[in-house]
C-alpha atoms as a PDB file:
ATOM      1  CA  MET A   1       0.000   0.000   0.000  1.00  0.00           C
ATOM      2  CA  HIS A   2       1.293   3.449  -0.908  1.00  0.00           C
ATOM      3  CA  MET A   3       0.236   6.209   1.455  1.00  0.00           C
ATOM      4  CA  LEU A   4       0.537   9.891   0.704  1.00  0.00           C
ATOM      5  CA  LEU A   5       1.920  12.210   3.306  1.00  0.00           C
ATOM      6  CA  PHE A   6       0.647  15.733   3.724  1.00  0.00           C
ATOM      7  CA  GLY A   7       2.788  18.830   3.469  1.00  0.00           C
ATOM      8  CA  ARG A   8       1.633  22.329   4.216  1.00  0.00           C
ATOM      9  CA  SER A   9      -1.107  22.250   1.589  1.00  0.00           C
ATOM     10  CA  LYS A  10      -3.366  20.334   3.972  1.00  0.00           C
ATOM     11  CA  GLN A  11      -3.597  22.598   7.000  1.00  0.00           C
ATOM     12  CA  THR A  12      -4.883  21.514  10.342  1.00  0.00           C
ATOM     13  CA  LYS A  13      -8.570  22.274  10.797  1.00  0.00           C
ATOM     14  CA  GLY A  14      -8.989  25.825  12.064  1.00  0.00           C
ATOM     15  CA  GLU A  15      -5.291  26.609  11.732  1.00  0.00           C
ATOM     16  CA  LYS A  16      -4.348  29.858  10.045  1.00  0.00           C
ATOM     17  CA  PRO A  17      -1.227  30.440   7.964  1.00  0.00           C
ATOM     18  CA  VAL A  18       1.559  32.434   9.569  1.00  0.00           C
ATOM     19  CA  VAL A  19       0.875  36.131   9.129  1.00  0.00           C
ATOM     20  CA  GLY A  20       3.786  38.442   8.410  1.00  0.00           C
ATOM     21  CA  MET A  21       6.159  35.638   7.517  1.00  0.00           C
ATOM     22  CA  ASN A  22       9.449  36.982   6.232  1.00  0.00           C
ATOM     23  CA  ARG A  23       9.299  37.171   2.417  1.00  0.00           C
ATOM     24  CA  ASN A  24      12.563  35.303   2.066  1.00  0.00           C
ATOM     25  CA  ILE A  25      11.304  32.452   4.255  1.00  0.00           C
ATOM     26  CA  SER A  26       8.028  32.416   2.356  1.00  0.00           C
ATOM     27  CA  TYR A  27       9.971  32.191  -0.924  1.00  0.00           C
ATOM     28  CA  LEU A  28      12.175  29.378   0.396  1.00  0.00           C
ATOM     29  CA  CYS A  29       9.146  27.396   1.554  1.00  0.00           C
ATOM     30  CA  LYS A  30       7.267  27.930  -1.694  1.00  0.00           C
ATOM     31  CA  LYS A  31      10.315  26.876  -3.710  1.00  0.00           C
ATOM     32  CA  GLY A  32      10.767  23.819  -1.486  1.00  0.00           C
ATOM     33  CA  ASP A  33       7.117  22.881  -1.964  1.00  0.00           C
ATOM     34  CA  GLU A  34       7.409  23.265  -5.740  1.00  0.00           C
ATOM     35  CA  LEU A  35      10.509  21.082  -5.879  1.00  0.00           C
ATOM     36  CA  ASP A  36       8.866  18.474  -3.655  1.00  0.00           C
ATOM     37  CA  GLU A  37       5.878  18.356  -6.017  1.00  0.00           C
ATOM     38  CA  LEU A  38       8.308  17.753  -8.908  1.00  0.00           C
ATOM     39  CA  GLY A  39       9.941  14.872  -7.040  1.00  0.00           C
ATOM     40  CA  GLN A  40      13.170  16.821  -6.523  1.00  0.00           C
ATOM     41  CA  TYR A  41      13.308  15.980  -2.846  1.00  0.00           C
ATOM     42  CA  GLU A  42      16.994  16.651  -2.153  1.00  0.00           C
ATOM     43  CA  GLN A  43      16.653  20.168  -3.588  1.00  0.00           C
ATOM     44  CA  ALA A  44      13.426  20.716  -1.653  1.00  0.00           C
ATOM     45  CA  ILE A  45      15.176  19.738   1.580  1.00  0.00           C
ATOM     46  CA  SER A  46      17.907  22.246   0.803  1.00  0.00           C
ATOM     47  CA  TYR A  47      15.322  25.049   0.640  1.00  0.00           C
ATOM     48  CA  TYR A  48      13.576  23.866   3.804  1.00  0.00           C
ATOM     49  CA  ASP A  49      16.940  23.759   5.593  1.00  0.00           C
ATOM     50  CA  GLN A  50      17.668  27.331   4.526  1.00  0.00           C
ATOM     51  CA  ALA A  51      14.300  28.443   5.921  1.00  0.00           C
ATOM     52  CA  LEU A  52      14.887  26.490   9.139  1.00  0.00           C
ATOM     53  CA  GLN A  53      18.140  28.365   9.701  1.00  0.00           C
ATOM     54  CA  THR A  54      16.038  31.494  10.256  1.00  0.00           C
ATOM     55  CA  VAL A  55      13.013  29.873  11.926  1.00  0.00           C
ATOM     56  CA  PRO A  56      14.239  26.578  13.427  1.00  0.00           C
ATOM     57  CA  ASN A  57      10.986  25.913  15.280  1.00  0.00           C
ATOM     58  CA  ASP A  58       8.553  26.284  12.406  1.00  0.00           C
ATOM     59  CA  LYS A  59       6.295  23.245  12.623  1.00  0.00           C
ATOM     60  CA  ASP A  60       5.106  23.539   9.021  1.00  0.00           C
ATOM     61  CA  ILE A  61       8.602  23.664   7.552  1.00  0.00           C
ATOM     62  CA  LEU A  62       9.677  20.742   9.734  1.00  0.00           C
ATOM     63  CA  ASN A  63       6.673  18.775   8.490  1.00  0.00           C
ATOM     64  CA  SER A  64       7.424  19.609   4.847  1.00  0.00           C
ATOM     65  CA  LYS A  65      11.056  18.603   5.265  1.00  0.00           C
ATOM     66  CA  GLY A  66       9.886  15.360   6.873  1.00  0.00           C
ATOM     67  CA  VAL A  67       7.672  14.604   3.875  1.00  0.00           C
ATOM     68  CA  SER A  68      10.588  15.109   1.480  1.00  0.00           C
ATOM     69  CA  LEU A  69      12.846  12.912   3.620  1.00  0.00           C
ATOM     70  CA  TYR A  70      10.158  10.216   3.705  1.00  0.00           C
ATOM     71  CA  ASN A  71       9.936  10.348  -0.075  1.00  0.00           C
ATOM     72  CA  LEU A  72      13.692   9.646  -0.176  1.00  0.00           C
ATOM     73  CA  ASP A  73      13.207   6.629   2.149  1.00  0.00           C
ATOM     74  CA  LYS A  74      15.080   8.459   4.898  1.00  0.00           C
ATOM     75  CA  ASN A  75      12.436   7.366   7.349  1.00  0.00           C
ATOM     76  CA  GLU A  76      14.341   7.811  10.610  1.00  0.00           C
ATOM     77  CA  ASP A  77      15.220  11.394   9.620  1.00  0.00           C
ATOM     78  CA  ALA A  78      11.633  12.026   8.526  1.00  0.00           C
ATOM     79  CA  LEU A  79      10.363  10.680  11.836  1.00  0.00           C
ATOM     80  CA  SER A  80      12.665  13.078  13.669  1.00  0.00           C
ATOM     81  CA  CYS A  81      11.227  16.035  11.725  1.00  0.00           C
ATOM     82  CA  PHE A  82       7.658  14.973  12.502  1.00  0.00           C
ATOM     83  CA  GLU A  83       8.487  14.534  16.187  1.00  0.00           C
ATOM     84  CA  ASN A  84      10.116  17.973  16.303  1.00  0.00           C
ATOM     85  CA  ALA A  85       7.036  19.537  14.676  1.00  0.00           C
ATOM     86  CA  LEU A  86       4.784  17.762  17.187  1.00  0.00           C
ATOM     87  CA  ALA A  87       6.931  18.982  20.080  1.00  0.00           C
ATOM     88  CA  ILE A  88       5.979  22.504  18.978  1.00  0.00           C
ATOM     89  CA  ASN A  89       2.288  21.685  18.524  1.00  0.00           C
ATOM     90  CA  PRO A  90       1.136  18.161  19.457  1.00  0.00           C
ATOM     91  CA  ASN A  91      -2.362  18.687  18.030  1.00  0.00           C
ATOM     92  CA  GLN A  92      -1.497  18.760  14.326  1.00  0.00           C
ATOM     93  CA  ASP A  93      -3.503  15.914  12.890  1.00  0.00           C
ATOM     94  CA  THR A  94      -1.682  15.961   9.540  1.00  0.00           C
ATOM     95  CA  VAL A  95       1.719  15.701  11.236  1.00  0.00           C
ATOM     96  CA  LEU A  96       0.413  12.939  13.490  1.00  0.00           C
ATOM     97  CA  TYR A  97      -0.773  11.123  10.376  1.00  0.00           C
ATOM     98  CA  ASN A  98       2.606  11.635   8.679  1.00  0.00           C
ATOM     99  CA  LYS A  99       4.378  10.289  11.754  1.00  0.00           C
ATOM    100  CA  ALA A 100       2.054   7.272  11.827  1.00  0.00           C
ATOM    101  CA  VAL A 101       2.712   6.522   8.144  1.00  0.00           C
ATOM    102  CA  CYS A 102       6.439   6.752   8.780  1.00  0.00           C
ATOM    103  CA  LEU A 103       6.175   4.394  11.761  1.00  0.00           C
ATOM    104  CA  TYR A 104       4.089   2.021   9.620  1.00  0.00           C
ATOM    105  CA  LYS A 105       6.783   1.996   6.956  1.00  0.00           C
ATOM    106  CA  LEU A 106       9.359   1.274   9.673  1.00  0.00           C
ATOM    107  CA  LYS A 107       7.124  -1.669  10.774  1.00  0.00           C
ATOM    108  CA  LYS A 108       6.519  -0.092  14.176  1.00  0.00           C
ATOM    109  CA  TYR A 109       2.845  -0.934  13.960  1.00  0.00           C
ATOM    110  CA  GLN A 110       1.830  -0.545  17.590  1.00  0.00           C
ATOM    111  CA  ARG A 111       3.356   2.921  17.828  1.00  0.00           C
ATOM    112  CA  ALA A 112       1.784   3.828  14.478  1.00  0.00           C
ATOM    113  CA  GLN A 113      -1.602   2.723  15.792  1.00  0.00           C
ATOM    114  CA  ILE A 114      -1.323   4.930  18.880  1.00  0.00           C
ATOM    115  CA  VAL A 115      -0.274   7.956  16.823  1.00  0.00           C
ATOM    116  CA  VAL A 116      -2.963   7.614  14.149  1.00  0.00           C
ATOM    117  CA  HIS A 117      -5.614   7.275  16.874  1.00  0.00           C
ATOM    118  CA  LYS A 118      -4.508  10.703  18.149  1.00  0.00           C
ATOM    119  CA  ALA A 119      -4.994  12.119  14.639  1.00  0.00           C
ATOM    120  CA  ILE A 120      -8.432  10.503  14.408  1.00  0.00           C
ATOM    121  CA  LYS A 121      -9.443  12.062  17.741  1.00  0.00           C
ATOM    122  CA  ILE A 122      -8.639  15.482  16.288  1.00  0.00           C
ATOM    123  CA  ASN A 123     -10.175  14.847  12.859  1.00  0.00           C
ATOM    124  CA  PRO A 124     -12.451  11.771  13.002  1.00  0.00           C
ATOM    125  CA  ASN A 125     -13.865  12.110   9.493  1.00  0.00           C
ATOM    126  CA  ASP A 126     -10.608  12.025   7.541  1.00  0.00           C
ATOM    127  CA  ALA A 127     -10.736   9.036   5.157  1.00  0.00           C
ATOM    128  CA  ASP A 128      -6.931   8.769   4.923  1.00  0.00           C
ATOM    129  CA  TYR A 129      -6.648   8.354   8.682  1.00  0.00           C
ATOM    130  CA  GLN A 130      -9.346   5.673   8.675  1.00  0.00           C
ATOM    131  CA  GLU A 131      -7.609   3.827   5.837  1.00  0.00           C
ATOM    132  CA  LEU A 132      -4.297   3.886   7.670  1.00  0.00           C
ATOM    133  CA  ILE A 133      -5.784   2.421  10.832  1.00  0.00           C
ATOM    134  CA  LYS A 134      -7.240  -0.444   8.751  1.00  0.00           C
ATOM    135  CA  GLU A 135      -3.816  -1.136   7.227  1.00  0.00           C
ATOM    136  CA  ILE A 136      -2.131  -1.059  10.626  1.00  0.00           C
ATOM    137  CA  ASN A 137      -4.716  -3.439  12.059  1.00  0.00           C
ATOM    138  CA  LYS A 138      -4.106  -5.872   9.165  1.00  0.00           C
ATOM    139  CA  GLN A 139      -0.453  -5.970  10.181  1.00  0.00           C
ATOM    140  CA  LEU A 140      -1.172  -6.324  13.896  1.00  0.00           C
ATOM    141  CA  LEU A 141      -3.773  -9.081  13.600  1.00  0.00           C
ATOM    142  CA  PRO A 142      -1.306 -11.894  12.748  1.00  0.00           C
ATOM    143  CA  GLN A 143       0.953 -10.782  15.609  1.00  0.00           C
ATOM    144  CA  ARG A 144      -1.960 -10.844  18.042  1.00  0.00           C
ATOM    145  CA  TRP A 145      -3.037 -14.266  16.774  1.00  0.00           C
ATOM    146  CA  LYS A 146       0.476 -15.691  17.349  1.00  0.00           C
ATOM    147  CA  ASN A 147       0.608 -14.195  20.840  1.00  0.00           C
ATOM    148  CA  TRP A 148      -2.794 -15.671  21.657  1.00  0.00           C
ATOM    149  CA  GLN A 149      -1.734 -19.122  20.407  1.00  0.00           C
ATOM    150  CA  ARG A 150       1.408 -19.007  22.566  1.00  0.00           C
ATOM    151  CA  GLN A 151      -0.748 -18.375  25.624  1.00  0.00           C
ATOM    152  CA  LEU A 152      -2.756 -21.561  25.077  1.00  0.00           C
END
């Protein structure tokens, strides 16, 4: 199963874009987003890194960088970006989802399940979140069955 991660284009419900963002940072982010869309992930990361030098605690830029890293199969690095973004604001359902997808890809299914449930609590009607929980449960079911059989 291929799951899409969400960059800044899918904002958290009720969240407003940063007002008065430095034009240079705005340009760097926009350029990074454009390159990411074109599949030029290394270049996108370069732009996100430049922006993060000025605003190191920008949750949206950290999330976008994480998405690009994930697309390069640099999953541990992507996970770190998502965790840093969540340390700034733990109620970002899209970042929670991205973290859960990353954990799923790393085969850390139980952690992924916990994280996606947090995203579902924030945004219960998101179809992508519901689909991910189904996929995680498919992976966990055989493990639970084996554990149950061992207990007999």
